[in-house]
Amino acid sequence: MNTLKFKSNINCTGCLSKVTPVMNDEKAIQQWDVNLEHDDRTLTVETNDLSAEEVQKIVGKVGFKAQLIED
């Protein structure tokens, strides 16, 4: 399983409520989370099938941005 981390502009519970249905409906995402406490609002996605670009497109569907954090 791949764990991808992104800096996002998902910065409040209202934003989270917009992104949740889209992320939950994506079958290729096993688990995801946004750390609203961290300055980067880190989005963590666990997937076997999706690339970082595909995750960024999914998040973009609801008007948010996700920038891949390189390890």
PDB file of N, CA and C in Angstrom:
ATOM      1  N   MET A   1       0.840  -1.180   0.000  1.00  0.00           N
ATOM      2  CA  MET A   1       0.000   0.000   0.000  1.00  0.00           C
ATOM      3  C   MET A   1       0.882   1.239   0.000  1.00  0.00           C
ATOM      4  N   ASN A   2       0.496   2.217  -0.783  1.00  0.00           N
ATOM      5  CA  ASN A   2       1.215   3.483  -0.844  1.00  0.00           C
ATOM      6  C   ASN A   2       0.537   4.513   0.054  1.00  0.00           C
ATOM      7  N   THR A   3       1.334   5.254   0.791  1.00  0.00           N
ATOM      8  CA  THR A   3       0.830   6.362   1.590  1.00  0.00           C
ATOM      9  C   THR A   3       1.330   7.650   0.952  1.00  0.00           C
ATOM     10  N   LEU A   4       0.382   8.469   0.503  1.00  0.00           N
ATOM     11  CA  LEU A   4       0.701   9.746  -0.125  1.00  0.00           C
ATOM     12  C   LEU A   4       0.325  10.867   0.819  1.00  0.00           C
ATOM     13  N   LYS A   5       1.192  11.868   0.918  1.00  0.00           N
ATOM     14  CA  LYS A   5       0.918  13.016   1.787  1.00  0.00           C
ATOM     15  C   LYS A   5       0.931  14.291   0.960  1.00  0.00           C
ATOM     16  N   PHE A   6      -0.039  15.152   1.267  1.00  0.00           N
ATOM     17  CA  PHE A   6      -0.207  16.387   0.514  1.00  0.00           C
ATOM     18  C   PHE A   6      -0.402  17.561   1.463  1.00  0.00           C
ATOM     19  N   LYS A   7       0.129  18.712   1.076  1.00  0.00           N
ATOM     20  CA  LYS A   7      -0.229  19.970   1.712  1.00  0.00           C
ATOM     21  C   LYS A   7      -1.526  20.395   1.039  1.00  0.00           C
ATOM     22  N   SER A   8      -2.546  20.730   1.835  1.00  0.00           N
ATOM     23  CA  SER A   8      -3.844  21.050   1.235  1.00  0.00           C
ATOM     24  C   SER A   8      -4.382  22.380   1.742  1.00  0.00           C
ATOM     25  N   ASN A   9      -5.432  22.841   1.085  1.00  0.00           N
ATOM     26  CA  ASN A   9      -6.143  24.029   1.547  1.00  0.00           C
ATOM     27  C   ASN A   9      -7.497  23.639   2.142  1.00  0.00           C
ATOM     28  N   ILE A  10      -7.595  22.415   2.611  1.00  0.00           N
ATOM     29  CA  ILE A  10      -8.767  21.937   3.348  1.00  0.00           C
ATOM     30  C   ILE A  10      -8.524  22.363   4.796  1.00  0.00           C
ATOM     31  N   ASN A  11      -9.107  23.498   5.206  1.00  0.00           N
ATOM     32  CA  ASN A  11      -8.665  24.075   6.471  1.00  0.00           C
ATOM     33  C   ASN A  11      -9.718  24.210   7.559  1.00  0.00           C
ATOM     34  N   CYS A  12     -10.887  23.613   7.364  1.00  0.00           N
ATOM     35  CA  CYS A  12     -11.896  23.678   8.426  1.00  0.00           C
ATOM     36  C   CYS A  12     -12.857  22.504   8.285  1.00  0.00           C
ATOM     37  N   THR A  13     -13.723  22.333   9.258  1.00  0.00           N
ATOM     38  CA  THR A  13     -14.668  21.214   9.211  1.00  0.00           C
ATOM     39  C   THR A  13     -15.667  21.380   8.065  1.00  0.00           C
ATOM     40  N   GLY A  14     -15.975  22.627   7.689  1.00  0.00           N
ATOM     41  CA  GLY A  14     -16.858  22.858   6.546  1.00  0.00           C
ATOM     42  C   GLY A  14     -16.225  22.361   5.254  1.00  0.00           C
ATOM     43  N   CYS A  15     -14.939  22.656   5.090  1.00  0.00           N
ATOM     44  CA  CYS A  15     -14.194  22.158   3.925  1.00  0.00           C
ATOM     45  C   CYS A  15     -14.162  20.633   3.940  1.00  0.00           C
ATOM     46  N   LEU A  16     -13.915  20.089   5.096  1.00  0.00           N
ATOM     47  CA  LEU A  16     -13.839  18.645   5.260  1.00  0.00           C
ATOM     48  C   LEU A  16     -15.160  17.980   4.872  1.00  0.00           C
ATOM     49  N   SER A  17     -16.273  18.618   5.213  1.00  0.00           N
ATOM     50  CA  SER A  17     -17.577  18.040   4.880  1.00  0.00           C
ATOM     51  C   SER A  17     -17.828  18.046   3.376  1.00  0.00           C
ATOM     52  N   LYS A  18     -17.189  18.953   2.641  1.00  0.00           N
ATOM     53  CA  LYS A  18     -17.334  18.979   1.182  1.00  0.00           C
ATOM     54  C   LYS A  18     -16.497  17.893   0.520  1.00  0.00           C
ATOM     55  N   VAL A  19     -15.333  17.632   1.065  1.00  0.00           N
ATOM     56  CA  VAL A  19     -14.414  16.677   0.447  1.00  0.00           C
ATOM     57  C   VAL A  19     -14.726  15.226   0.856  1.00  0.00           C
ATOM     58  N   THR A  20     -15.337  15.035   2.008  1.00  0.00           N
ATOM     59  CA  THR A  20     -15.582  13.686   2.539  1.00  0.00           C
ATOM     60  C   THR A  20     -16.360  12.781   1.586  1.00  0.00           C
ATOM     61  N   PRO A  21     -17.498  13.213   1.026  1.00  0.00           N
ATOM     62  CA  PRO A  21     -18.237  12.297   0.146  1.00  0.00           C
ATOM     63  C   PRO A  21     -17.435  11.864  -1.081  1.00  0.00           C
ATOM     64  N   VAL A  22     -16.662  12.769  -1.636  1.00  0.00           N
ATOM     65  CA  VAL A  22     -15.873  12.454  -2.825  1.00  0.00           C
ATOM     66  C   VAL A  22     -14.771  11.459  -2.495  1.00  0.00           C
ATOM     67  N   MET A  23     -14.088  11.681  -1.387  1.00  0.00           N
ATOM     68  CA  MET A  23     -13.006  10.775  -0.986  1.00  0.00           C
ATOM     69  C   MET A  23     -13.552   9.406  -0.579  1.00  0.00           C
ATOM     70  N   ASN A  24     -14.660   9.399   0.131  1.00  0.00           N
ATOM     71  CA  ASN A  24     -15.247   8.129   0.571  1.00  0.00           C
ATOM     72  C   ASN A  24     -15.788   7.315  -0.593  1.00  0.00           C
ATOM     73  N   ASP A  25     -16.239   7.980  -1.656  1.00  0.00           N
ATOM     74  CA  ASP A  25     -16.792   7.277  -2.818  1.00  0.00           C
ATOM     75  C   ASP A  25     -15.722   6.688  -3.726  1.00  0.00           C
ATOM     76  N   GLU A  26     -14.492   7.132  -3.569  1.00  0.00           N
ATOM     77  CA  GLU A  26     -13.402   6.627  -4.417  1.00  0.00           C
ATOM     78  C   GLU A  26     -12.956   5.262  -3.910  1.00  0.00           C
ATOM     79  N   LYS A  27     -13.265   4.236  -4.681  1.00  0.00           N
ATOM     80  CA  LYS A  27     -13.011   2.849  -4.259  1.00  0.00           C
ATOM     81  C   LYS A  27     -11.514   2.537  -4.106  1.00  0.00           C
ATOM     82  N   ALA A  28     -10.658   3.255  -4.831  1.00  0.00           N
ATOM     83  CA  ALA A  28      -9.222   2.976  -4.792  1.00  0.00           C
ATOM     84  C   ALA A  28      -8.541   3.567  -3.557  1.00  0.00           C
ATOM     85  N   ILE A  29      -9.270   4.356  -2.765  1.00  0.00           N
ATOM     86  CA  ILE A  29      -8.714   4.920  -1.536  1.00  0.00           C
ATOM     87  C   ILE A  29      -9.136   4.029  -0.371  1.00  0.00           C
ATOM     88  N   GLN A  30      -8.152   3.409   0.272  1.00  0.00           N
ATOM     89  CA  GLN A  30      -8.448   2.547   1.412  1.00  0.00           C
ATOM     90  C   GLN A  30      -8.750   3.374   2.659  1.00  0.00           C
ATOM     91  N   GLN A  31      -7.963   4.438   2.839  1.00  0.00           N
ATOM     92  CA  GLN A  31      -8.117   5.286   4.029  1.00  0.00           C
ATOM     93  C   GLN A  31      -7.562   6.664   3.711  1.00  0.00           C
ATOM     94  N   TRP A  32      -8.148   7.685   4.335  1.00  0.00           N
ATOM     95  CA  TRP A  32      -7.649   9.046   4.151  1.00  0.00           C
ATOM     96  C   TRP A  32      -7.947   9.859   5.397  1.00  0.00           C
ATOM     97  N   ASP A  33      -7.201  10.950   5.551  1.00  0.00           N
ATOM     98  CA  ASP A  33      -7.368  11.802   6.730  1.00  0.00           C
ATOM     99  C   ASP A  33      -6.761  13.171   6.426  1.00  0.00           C
ATOM    100  N   VAL A  34      -7.335  14.203   7.033  1.00  0.00           N
ATOM    101  CA  VAL A  34      -6.765  15.548   6.955  1.00  0.00           C
ATOM    102  C   VAL A  34      -6.464  16.004   8.373  1.00  0.00           C
ATOM    103  N   ASN A  35      -5.229  16.419   8.602  1.00  0.00           N
ATOM    104  CA  ASN A  35      -4.828  16.940   9.908  1.00  0.00           C
ATOM    105  C   ASN A  35      -5.069  18.449   9.909  1.00  0.00           C
ATOM    106  N   LEU A  36      -6.204  18.866  10.449  1.00  0.00           N
ATOM    107  CA  LEU A  36      -6.566  20.282  10.481  1.00  0.00           C
ATOM    108  C   LEU A  36      -5.728  21.069  11.482  1.00  0.00           C
ATOM    109  N   GLU A  37      -5.040  20.387  12.380  1.00  0.00           N
ATOM    110  CA  GLU A  37      -4.207  21.043  13.390  1.00  0.00           C
ATOM    111  C   GLU A  37      -2.847  21.467  12.838  1.00  0.00           C
ATOM    112  N   HIS A  38      -2.369  20.783  11.804  1.00  0.00           N
ATOM    113  CA  HIS A  38      -1.051  21.059  11.231  1.00  0.00           C
ATOM    114  C   HIS A  38      -1.145  22.268  10.302  1.00  0.00           C
ATOM    115  N   ASP A  39      -0.104  23.091  10.276  1.00  0.00           N
ATOM    116  CA  ASP A  39      -0.095  24.293   9.433  1.00  0.00           C
ATOM    117  C   ASP A  39      -0.309  23.975   7.956  1.00  0.00           C
ATOM    118  N   ASP A  40       0.165  22.820   7.503  1.00  0.00           N
ATOM    119  CA  ASP A  40       0.027  22.432   6.095  1.00  0.00           C
ATOM    120  C   ASP A  40      -1.307  21.753   5.798  1.00  0.00           C
ATOM    121  N   ARG A  41      -2.139  21.553   6.838  1.00  0.00           N
ATOM    122  CA  ARG A  41      -3.422  20.850   6.653  1.00  0.00           C
ATOM    123  C   ARG A  41      -3.168  19.559   5.870  1.00  0.00           C
ATOM    124  N   THR A  42      -2.294  18.737   6.416  1.00  0.00           N
ATOM    125  CA  THR A  42      -1.795  17.555   5.721  1.00  0.00           C
ATOM    126  C   THR A  42      -2.903  16.546   5.427  1.00  0.00           C
ATOM    127  N   LEU A  43      -3.041  16.245   4.136  1.00  0.00           N
ATOM    128  CA  LEU A  43      -3.950  15.208   3.661  1.00  0.00           C
ATOM    129  C   LEU A  43      -3.121  13.950   3.459  1.00  0.00           C
ATOM    130  N   THR A  44      -3.504  12.867   4.128  1.00  0.00           N
ATOM    131  CA  THR A  44      -2.822  11.593   3.989  1.00  0.00           C
ATOM    132  C   THR A  44      -3.778  10.610   3.330  1.00  0.00           C
ATOM    133  N   VAL A  45      -3.317   9.956   2.264  1.00  0.00           N
ATOM    134  CA  VAL A  45      -4.153   9.026   1.506  1.00  0.00           C
ATOM    135  C   VAL A  45      -3.419   7.701   1.387  1.00  0.00           C
ATOM    136  N   GLU A  46      -4.110   6.619   1.727  1.00  0.00           N
ATOM    137  CA  GLU A  46      -3.565   5.269   1.546  1.00  0.00           C
ATOM    138  C   GLU A  46      -4.281   4.625   0.374  1.00  0.00           C
ATOM    139  N   THR A  47      -3.494   4.211  -0.638  1.00  0.00           N
ATOM    140  CA  THR A  47      -4.058   3.630  -1.856  1.00  0.00           C
ATOM    141  C   THR A  47      -3.065   2.678  -2.487  1.00  0.00           C
ATOM    142  N   ASN A  48      -3.580   1.697  -3.193  1.00  0.00           N
ATOM    143  CA  ASN A  48      -2.729   0.801  -3.973  1.00  0.00           C
ATOM    144  C   ASN A  48      -2.712   1.208  -5.434  1.00  0.00           C
ATOM    145  N   ASP A  49      -3.738   1.916  -5.875  1.00  0.00           N
ATOM    146  CA  ASP A  49      -3.958   2.102  -7.302  1.00  0.00           C
ATOM    147  C   ASP A  49      -3.801   3.516  -7.822  1.00  0.00           C
ATOM    148  N   LEU A  50      -3.929   4.524  -6.972  1.00  0.00           N
ATOM    149  CA  LEU A  50      -3.940   5.902  -7.452  1.00  0.00           C
ATOM    150  C   LEU A  50      -2.569   6.562  -7.393  1.00  0.00           C
ATOM    151  N   SER A  51      -2.305   7.389  -8.386  1.00  0.00           N
ATOM    152  CA  SER A  51      -1.089   8.208  -8.368  1.00  0.00           C
ATOM    153  C   SER A  51      -1.391   9.500  -7.625  1.00  0.00           C
ATOM    154  N   ALA A  52      -0.343  10.246  -7.324  1.00  0.00           N
ATOM    155  CA  ALA A  52      -0.525  11.544  -6.659  1.00  0.00           C
ATOM    156  C   ALA A  52      -1.376  12.467  -7.527  1.00  0.00           C
ATOM    157  N   GLU A  53      -1.153  12.430  -8.841  1.00  0.00           N
ATOM    158  CA  GLU A  53      -1.914  13.281  -9.751  1.00  0.00           C
ATOM    159  C   GLU A  53      -3.402  12.942  -9.730  1.00  0.00           C
ATOM    160  N   GLU A  54      -3.712  11.664  -9.639  1.00  0.00           N
ATOM    161  CA  GLU A  54      -5.116  11.246  -9.596  1.00  0.00           C
ATOM    162  C   GLU A  54      -5.793  11.712  -8.304  1.00  0.00           C
ATOM    163  N   VAL A  55      -5.075  11.637  -7.192  1.00  0.00           N
ATOM    164  CA  VAL A  55      -5.625  12.131  -5.923  1.00  0.00           C
ATOM    165  C   VAL A  55      -5.859  13.632  -6.017  1.00  0.00           C
ATOM    166  N   GLN A  56      -4.918  14.342  -6.611  1.00  0.00           N
ATOM    167  CA  GLN A  56      -5.067  15.789  -6.772  1.00  0.00           C
ATOM    168  C   GLN A  56      -6.301  16.128  -7.606  1.00  0.00           C
ATOM    169  N   LYS A  57      -6.585  15.349  -8.637  1.00  0.00           N
ATOM    170  CA  LYS A  57      -7.779  15.569  -9.463  1.00  0.00           C
ATOM    171  C   LYS A  57      -9.053  15.325  -8.670  1.00  0.00           C
ATOM    172  N   ILE A  58      -9.050  14.288  -7.842  1.00  0.00           N
ATOM    173  CA  ILE A  58     -10.223  13.969  -7.017  1.00  0.00           C
ATOM    174  C   ILE A  58     -10.509  15.122  -6.059  1.00  0.00           C
ATOM    175  N   VAL A  59      -9.493  15.605  -5.391  1.00  0.00           N
ATOM    176  CA  VAL A  59      -9.638  16.726  -4.457  1.00  0.00           C
ATOM    177  C   VAL A  59     -10.069  17.989  -5.216  1.00  0.00           C
ATOM    178  N   GLY A  60      -9.522  18.164  -6.407  1.00  0.00           N
ATOM    179  CA  GLY A  60      -9.847  19.324  -7.220  1.00  0.00           C
ATOM    180  C   GLY A  60     -11.294  19.371  -7.671  1.00  0.00           C
ATOM    181  N   LYS A  61     -11.940  18.219  -7.750  1.00  0.00           N
ATOM    182  CA  LYS A  61     -13.353  18.165  -8.163  1.00  0.00           C
ATOM    183  C   LYS A  61     -14.254  18.995  -7.257  1.00  0.00           C
ATOM    184  N   VAL A  62     -13.872  19.133  -6.008  1.00  0.00           N
ATOM    185  CA  VAL A  62     -14.684  19.902  -5.056  1.00  0.00           C
ATOM    186  C   VAL A  62     -14.023  21.234  -4.692  1.00  0.00           C
ATOM    187  N   GLY A  63     -13.057  21.660  -5.520  1.00  0.00           N
ATOM    188  CA  GLY A  63     -12.498  22.992  -5.388  1.00  0.00           C
ATOM    189  C   GLY A  63     -11.326  23.157  -4.436  1.00  0.00           C
ATOM    190  N   PHE A  64     -10.678  22.053  -4.075  1.00  0.00           N
ATOM    191  CA  PHE A  64      -9.534  22.140  -3.176  1.00  0.00           C
ATOM    192  C   PHE A  64      -8.250  21.757  -3.896  1.00  0.00           C
ATOM    193  N   LYS A  65      -7.127  22.157  -3.311  1.00  0.00           N
ATOM    194  CA  LYS A  65      -5.822  21.863  -3.874  1.00  0.00           C
ATOM    195  C   LYS A  65      -5.047  20.955  -2.937  1.00  0.00           C
ATOM    196  N   ALA A  66      -4.223  20.103  -3.534  1.00  0.00           N
ATOM    197  CA  ALA A  66      -3.358  19.220  -2.761  1.00  0.00           C
ATOM    198  C   ALA A  66      -2.001  19.189  -3.455  1.00  0.00           C
ATOM    199  N   GLN A  67      -0.976  19.588  -2.719  1.00  0.00           N
ATOM    200  CA  GLN A  67       0.393  19.600  -3.251  1.00  0.00           C
ATOM    201  C   GLN A  67       1.161  18.473  -2.602  1.00  0.00           C
ATOM    202  N   LEU A  68       1.694  17.574  -3.425  1.00  0.00           N
ATOM    203  CA  LEU A  68       2.414  16.415  -2.921  1.00  0.00           C
ATOM    204  C   LEU A  68       3.582  16.842  -2.061  1.00  0.00           C
ATOM    205  N   ILE A  69       3.720  16.215  -0.906  1.00  0.00           N
ATOM    206  CA  ILE A  69       4.868  16.431  -0.023  1.00  0.00           C
ATOM    207  C   ILE A  69       5.861  15.310  -0.309  1.00  0.00           C
ATOM    208  N   GLU A  70       7.012  15.681  -0.824  1.00  0.00           N
ATOM    209  CA  GLU A  70       8.053  14.683  -1.140  1.00  0.00           C
ATOM    210  C   GLU A  70       8.786  14.315   0.128  1.00  0.00           C
ATOM    211  N   ASP A  71       9.050  13.028   0.286  1.00  0.00           N
ATOM    212  CA  ASP A  71       9.799  12.564   1.458  1.00  0.00           C
ATOM    213  C   ASP A  71      11.271  12.823   1.317  1.00  0.00           C
TER     214      ASP A  71
END
